[in-house]
N, C-alpha and C. Protein backbone atom coordinates (compact mmCIF):
# COMPACT_ATOMS: atom_id res chain seq x y z
N MET A 1 -112.55 -56.57 -0.97
CA MET A 1 -111.50 -56.17 -0.11
C MET A 1 -110.65 -55.05 -0.70
N SER A 2 -110.46 -55.11 -1.97
CA SER A 2 -109.63 -54.08 -2.61
C SER A 2 -110.29 -52.72 -2.51
N LYS A 3 -111.62 -52.73 -2.50
CA LYS A 3 -112.31 -51.46 -2.34
C LYS A 3 -112.09 -50.91 -0.93
N GLU A 4 -112.09 -51.79 0.03
CA GLU A 4 -111.86 -51.38 1.41
C GLU A 4 -110.43 -50.89 1.58
N LEU A 5 -109.52 -51.59 0.93
CA LEU A 5 -108.11 -51.17 0.98
C LEU A 5 -107.93 -49.82 0.31
N GLU A 6 -108.57 -49.66 -0.76
CA GLU A 6 -108.49 -48.38 -1.48
C GLU A 6 -109.07 -47.26 -0.62
N LEU A 7 -110.20 -47.54 0.04
CA LEU A 7 -110.82 -46.57 0.90
C LEU A 7 -109.92 -46.26 2.10
N LEU A 8 -109.33 -47.29 2.67
CA LEU A 8 -108.41 -47.12 3.79
C LEU A 8 -107.18 -46.34 3.36
N SER A 9 -106.68 -46.63 2.19
CA SER A 9 -105.52 -45.92 1.65
C SER A 9 -105.87 -44.45 1.44
N GLN A 10 -107.05 -44.19 0.96
CA GLN A 10 -107.51 -42.82 0.75
C GLN A 10 -107.61 -42.07 2.08
N LYS A 11 -108.15 -42.78 3.10
CA LYS A 11 -108.28 -42.16 4.42
C LYS A 11 -106.91 -41.87 5.01
N ILE A 12 -105.98 -42.80 4.83
CA ILE A 12 -104.63 -42.59 5.35
C ILE A 12 -103.98 -41.42 4.62
N SER A 13 -104.18 -41.34 3.34
CA SER A 13 -103.63 -40.23 2.55
C SER A 13 -104.24 -38.90 3.00
N ASP A 14 -105.55 -38.89 3.24
CA ASP A 14 -106.20 -37.68 3.73
C ASP A 14 -105.67 -37.29 5.11
N PHE A 15 -105.48 -38.33 5.95
CA PHE A 15 -104.97 -38.07 7.29
C PHE A 15 -103.54 -37.52 7.22
N GLY A 16 -102.73 -38.06 6.30
CA GLY A 16 -101.35 -37.57 6.11
C GLY A 16 -101.33 -36.12 5.65
N SER A 17 -102.23 -35.79 4.71
CA SER A 17 -102.27 -34.40 4.23
C SER A 17 -102.75 -33.46 5.35
N LYS A 18 -103.67 -33.95 6.20
CA LYS A 18 -104.14 -33.14 7.32
C LYS A 18 -103.01 -32.94 8.33
N LEU A 19 -102.20 -34.00 8.52
CA LEU A 19 -101.05 -33.86 9.42
C LEU A 19 -100.04 -32.85 8.86
N ASP A 20 -99.83 -32.88 7.54
CA ASP A 20 -98.93 -31.91 6.91
C ASP A 20 -99.46 -30.49 7.11
N ASP A 21 -100.77 -30.33 6.90
CA ASP A 21 -101.37 -29.02 7.11
C ASP A 21 -101.23 -28.58 8.58
N PHE A 22 -101.44 -29.54 9.49
CA PHE A 22 -101.32 -29.22 10.90
C PHE A 22 -99.89 -28.82 11.26
N SER A 23 -98.90 -29.52 10.70
CA SER A 23 -97.50 -29.17 10.99
C SER A 23 -97.17 -27.79 10.42
N GLN A 24 -97.71 -27.46 9.26
CA GLN A 24 -97.49 -26.13 8.69
C GLN A 24 -98.13 -25.05 9.58
N ILE A 25 -99.29 -25.36 10.13
CA ILE A 25 -99.95 -24.42 11.04
C ILE A 25 -99.11 -24.23 12.30
N LEU A 26 -98.56 -25.33 12.82
CA LEU A 26 -97.72 -25.24 14.01
C LEU A 26 -96.46 -24.39 13.74
N VAL A 27 -95.88 -24.56 12.56
CA VAL A 27 -94.70 -23.76 12.19
C VAL A 27 -95.09 -22.28 12.09
N ALA A 28 -96.24 -22.01 11.49
CA ALA A 28 -96.70 -20.63 11.36
C ALA A 28 -96.96 -20.02 12.75
N ILE A 29 -97.56 -20.81 13.65
CA ILE A 29 -97.81 -20.32 15.02
C ILE A 29 -96.49 -20.03 15.72
N SER A 30 -95.51 -20.89 15.53
CA SER A 30 -94.20 -20.68 16.14
C SER A 30 -93.56 -19.39 15.61
N ARG A 31 -93.66 -19.17 14.33
CA ARG A 31 -93.13 -17.93 13.74
C ARG A 31 -93.85 -16.70 14.30
N LEU A 32 -95.17 -16.81 14.43
CA LEU A 32 -95.95 -15.71 14.99
C LEU A 32 -95.53 -15.41 16.43
N GLU A 33 -95.29 -16.48 17.21
CA GLU A 33 -94.85 -16.29 18.59
C GLU A 33 -93.49 -15.60 18.63
N ASP A 34 -92.59 -15.98 17.72
CA ASP A 34 -91.28 -15.32 17.65
C ASP A 34 -91.43 -13.84 17.32
N ARG A 35 -92.26 -13.54 16.34
CA ARG A 35 -92.50 -12.13 15.99
C ARG A 35 -93.11 -11.38 17.16
N GLN A 36 -94.05 -12.03 17.84
CA GLN A 36 -94.69 -11.40 18.98
C GLN A 36 -93.66 -11.09 20.06
N MET A 37 -92.73 -11.97 20.31
CA MET A 37 -91.68 -11.73 21.30
C MET A 37 -90.77 -10.58 20.84
N GLN A 38 -90.45 -10.55 19.55
CA GLN A 38 -89.63 -9.45 19.03
C GLN A 38 -90.37 -8.12 19.18
N TYR A 39 -91.65 -8.11 18.88
CA TYR A 39 -92.44 -6.89 19.03
C TYR A 39 -92.52 -6.47 20.50
N ALA A 40 -92.64 -7.46 21.39
CA ALA A 40 -92.70 -7.14 22.82
C ALA A 40 -91.38 -6.50 23.26
N ASP A 41 -90.25 -7.05 22.80
CA ASP A 41 -88.95 -6.46 23.14
C ASP A 41 -88.83 -5.04 22.57
N THR A 42 -89.30 -4.87 21.34
CA THR A 42 -89.25 -3.54 20.73
C THR A 42 -90.13 -2.56 21.51
N LEU A 43 -91.30 -3.01 21.92
CA LEU A 43 -92.19 -2.15 22.71
C LEU A 43 -91.56 -1.79 24.06
N LYS A 44 -90.88 -2.75 24.69
CA LYS A 44 -90.21 -2.45 25.96
C LYS A 44 -89.16 -1.37 25.77
N ARG A 45 -88.37 -1.49 24.69
CA ARG A 45 -87.34 -0.48 24.40
C ARG A 45 -87.99 0.87 24.12
N LEU A 46 -89.08 0.85 23.35
CA LEU A 46 -89.77 2.11 23.04
C LEU A 46 -90.33 2.76 24.30
N PHE A 47 -90.95 1.95 25.16
CA PHE A 47 -91.50 2.51 26.39
C PHE A 47 -90.39 3.05 27.28
N GLY A 48 -89.25 2.37 27.30
CA GLY A 48 -88.11 2.88 28.05
C GLY A 48 -87.64 4.22 27.50
N SER A 49 -87.57 4.32 26.18
CA SER A 49 -87.18 5.59 25.56
C SER A 49 -88.20 6.69 25.85
N ILE A 50 -89.46 6.33 25.81
CA ILE A 50 -90.52 7.32 26.10
C ILE A 50 -90.40 7.80 27.55
N GLU A 51 -90.14 6.88 28.48
CA GLU A 51 -89.99 7.28 29.88
C GLU A 51 -88.80 8.21 30.06
N LYS A 52 -87.68 7.92 29.39
CA LYS A 52 -86.52 8.79 29.47
C LYS A 52 -86.84 10.16 28.89
N PHE A 53 -87.55 10.17 27.77
CA PHE A 53 -87.93 11.44 27.14
C PHE A 53 -88.85 12.23 28.06
N GLU A 54 -89.82 11.55 28.68
CA GLU A 54 -90.72 12.23 29.61
C GLU A 54 -89.96 12.82 30.78
N ALA A 55 -88.95 12.10 31.27
CA ALA A 55 -88.15 12.63 32.38
C ALA A 55 -87.40 13.88 31.94
N LYS A 56 -86.86 13.84 30.72
CA LYS A 56 -86.14 15.02 30.20
C LYS A 56 -87.11 16.19 30.03
N VAL A 57 -88.29 15.92 29.52
CA VAL A 57 -89.29 16.98 29.33
C VAL A 57 -89.70 17.57 30.68
N ASP A 58 -89.92 16.69 31.66
CA ASP A 58 -90.28 17.17 33.00
C ASP A 58 -89.18 18.04 33.58
N ASN A 59 -87.93 17.60 33.43
CA ASN A 59 -86.80 18.38 33.93
C ASN A 59 -86.71 19.72 33.21
N SER A 60 -86.87 19.70 31.90
CA SER A 60 -86.83 20.94 31.13
C SER A 60 -87.97 21.86 31.52
N GLU A 61 -89.14 21.30 31.74
CA GLU A 61 -90.29 22.11 32.14
C GLU A 61 -90.04 22.76 33.51
N ARG A 62 -89.46 21.99 34.45
CA ARG A 62 -89.16 22.52 35.77
C ARG A 62 -88.14 23.65 35.67
N ARG A 63 -87.08 23.44 34.87
CA ARG A 63 -86.07 24.48 34.71
C ARG A 63 -86.65 25.71 34.04
N LEU A 64 -87.53 25.51 33.06
CA LEU A 64 -88.16 26.63 32.37
C LEU A 64 -89.05 27.43 33.33
N LEU A 65 -89.79 26.73 34.17
CA LEU A 65 -90.64 27.43 35.15
C LEU A 65 -89.79 28.22 36.14
N GLU A 66 -88.65 27.64 36.55
CA GLU A 66 -87.74 28.37 37.45
C GLU A 66 -87.20 29.61 36.75
N LEU A 67 -86.84 29.48 35.49
CA LEU A 67 -86.32 30.62 34.73
C LEU A 67 -87.39 31.70 34.59
N ILE A 68 -88.60 31.30 34.29
CA ILE A 68 -89.70 32.26 34.15
C ILE A 68 -89.93 32.98 35.48
N GLU A 69 -89.85 32.24 36.58
CA GLU A 69 -90.04 32.85 37.89
C GLU A 69 -88.94 33.88 38.19
N ARG A 70 -87.69 33.51 37.87
CA ARG A 70 -86.59 34.46 38.08
C ARG A 70 -86.75 35.69 37.21
N LEU A 71 -87.12 35.48 35.94
CA LEU A 71 -87.31 36.62 35.04
C LEU A 71 -88.47 37.49 35.49
N ASP A 72 -89.51 36.88 36.02
CA ASP A 72 -90.65 37.65 36.52
C ASP A 72 -90.23 38.52 37.70
N LYS A 73 -89.41 37.97 38.59
CA LYS A 73 -88.91 38.76 39.72
C LYS A 73 -88.04 39.92 39.22
N ARG A 74 -87.18 39.64 38.24
CA ARG A 74 -86.33 40.70 37.70
C ARG A 74 -87.18 41.78 37.03
N LEU A 75 -88.21 41.35 36.31
CA LEU A 75 -89.09 42.31 35.65
C LEU A 75 -89.81 43.17 36.68
N ASP A 76 -90.25 42.56 37.77
CA ASP A 76 -90.89 43.34 38.84
C ASP A 76 -89.92 44.37 39.41
N ALA A 77 -88.66 43.96 39.60
CA ALA A 77 -87.65 44.88 40.14
C ALA A 77 -87.42 46.04 39.16
N VAL A 78 -87.34 45.73 37.86
CA VAL A 78 -87.13 46.77 36.85
C VAL A 78 -88.32 47.71 36.81
N GLU A 79 -89.52 47.16 36.89
CA GLU A 79 -90.72 48.01 36.90
C GLU A 79 -90.73 48.93 38.12
N ASP A 80 -90.37 48.40 39.29
CA ASP A 80 -90.31 49.24 40.49
C ASP A 80 -89.28 50.35 40.32
N GLN A 81 -88.12 50.01 39.77
CA GLN A 81 -87.09 51.01 39.55
C GLN A 81 -87.55 52.06 38.55
N GLN A 82 -88.28 51.64 37.53
CA GLN A 82 -88.79 52.59 36.53
C GLN A 82 -89.79 53.55 37.17
N ILE A 83 -90.63 53.03 38.04
CA ILE A 83 -91.60 53.89 38.73
C ILE A 83 -90.86 54.94 39.56
N LYS A 84 -89.84 54.51 40.29
CA LYS A 84 -89.06 55.46 41.10
C LYS A 84 -88.38 56.50 40.21
N ASN A 85 -87.80 56.02 39.10
CA ASN A 85 -87.13 56.96 38.18
C ASN A 85 -88.12 57.95 37.58
N ASN A 86 -89.31 57.49 37.23
CA ASN A 86 -90.32 58.38 36.67
C ASN A 86 -90.76 59.42 37.69
N GLN A 87 -90.87 59.01 38.95
CA GLN A 87 -91.24 59.96 40.00
C GLN A 87 -90.14 61.01 40.17
N ARG A 88 -88.89 60.57 40.17
CA ARG A 88 -87.77 61.51 40.30
C ARG A 88 -87.73 62.47 39.12
N LEU A 89 -87.93 61.91 37.92
CA LEU A 89 -87.91 62.74 36.71
C LEU A 89 -89.06 63.75 36.75
N ALA A 90 -90.22 63.32 37.16
CA ALA A 90 -91.36 64.23 37.24
C ALA A 90 -91.07 65.35 38.25
N PHE A 91 -90.49 65.00 39.39
CA PHE A 91 -90.14 66.02 40.37
C PHE A 91 -89.10 66.99 39.82
N ALA A 92 -88.06 66.43 39.15
CA ALA A 92 -87.01 67.29 38.59
C ALA A 92 -87.59 68.20 37.52
N GLU A 93 -88.51 67.68 36.70
CA GLU A 93 -89.11 68.50 35.65
C GLU A 93 -89.95 69.61 36.26
N ARG A 94 -90.72 69.31 37.26
CA ARG A 94 -91.52 70.35 37.92
C ARG A 94 -90.61 71.41 38.56
N PHE A 95 -89.57 70.96 39.23
CA PHE A 95 -88.65 71.88 39.86
C PHE A 95 -87.99 72.78 38.82
N PHE A 96 -87.62 72.19 37.67
CA PHE A 96 -87.01 72.98 36.58
C PHE A 96 -87.97 74.06 36.12
N TRP A 97 -89.24 73.72 35.89
CA TRP A 97 -90.20 74.71 35.40
C TRP A 97 -90.51 75.77 36.47
N ILE A 98 -90.48 75.36 37.72
CA ILE A 98 -90.64 76.36 38.79
C ILE A 98 -89.49 77.35 38.76
N LEU A 99 -88.27 76.82 38.60
CA LEU A 99 -87.10 77.70 38.52
C LEU A 99 -87.16 78.61 37.30
N VAL A 100 -87.58 78.05 36.15
CA VAL A 100 -87.68 78.86 34.94
C VAL A 100 -88.72 79.95 35.14
N THR A 101 -89.87 79.60 35.70
CA THR A 101 -90.93 80.58 35.92
C THR A 101 -90.49 81.65 36.92
N ALA A 102 -89.85 81.21 38.02
CA ALA A 102 -89.39 82.17 39.02
C ALA A 102 -88.31 83.07 38.44
N SER A 103 -87.40 82.50 37.66
CA SER A 103 -86.35 83.30 37.04
C SER A 103 -86.93 84.32 36.07
N THR A 104 -87.88 83.87 35.28
CA THR A 104 -88.52 84.78 34.33
C THR A 104 -89.24 85.89 35.08
N GLY A 105 -89.95 85.54 36.15
CA GLY A 105 -90.65 86.54 36.95
C GLY A 105 -89.67 87.52 37.59
N LEU A 106 -88.55 87.03 38.08
CA LEU A 106 -87.55 87.88 38.69
C LEU A 106 -86.92 88.82 37.68
N VAL A 107 -86.63 88.30 36.49
CA VAL A 107 -86.06 89.14 35.43
C VAL A 107 -87.06 90.20 35.03
N MET A 108 -88.31 89.82 34.91
CA MET A 108 -89.33 90.80 34.52
C MET A 108 -89.51 91.86 35.62
N TYR A 109 -89.40 91.44 36.85
CA TYR A 109 -89.56 92.38 37.96
C TYR A 109 -88.44 93.42 37.95
N TYR A 110 -87.19 92.97 37.74
CA TYR A 110 -86.06 93.91 37.70
C TYR A 110 -86.08 94.78 36.44
N LEU A 111 -86.59 94.21 35.34
CA LEU A 111 -86.66 95.01 34.11
C LEU A 111 -87.73 96.10 34.22
N ARG A 112 -88.78 95.88 34.93
CA ARG A 112 -89.86 96.82 35.05
C ARG A 112 -89.53 97.89 36.11
N GLY A 113 -88.80 97.55 36.99
CA GLY A 113 -88.70 98.42 38.09
C GLY A 113 -87.57 99.31 38.24
């Protein structure tokens, strides 16, 4: 009988140690679940921040495109004005040389004659 008691005592001791191990595992699982919830909250905050940042980037991109469009229109206007100015300058330069040539011809005509 004492051998049976000893065997039973050993089994109870083994069962107790297994219960201790099981309770430690349950505590570890509980801690993991807490960390997982903390990480989930952190991820929600991060995703919220990312969404806000994306909205700011989209707004900045839209404003930048509007600015580029306005600058492109202004550049087109400046280019058109430059073309007109170049045409006027070319006409004035030709007219000047015509006057110089005619004046020189007139002076030479009166000097010769």
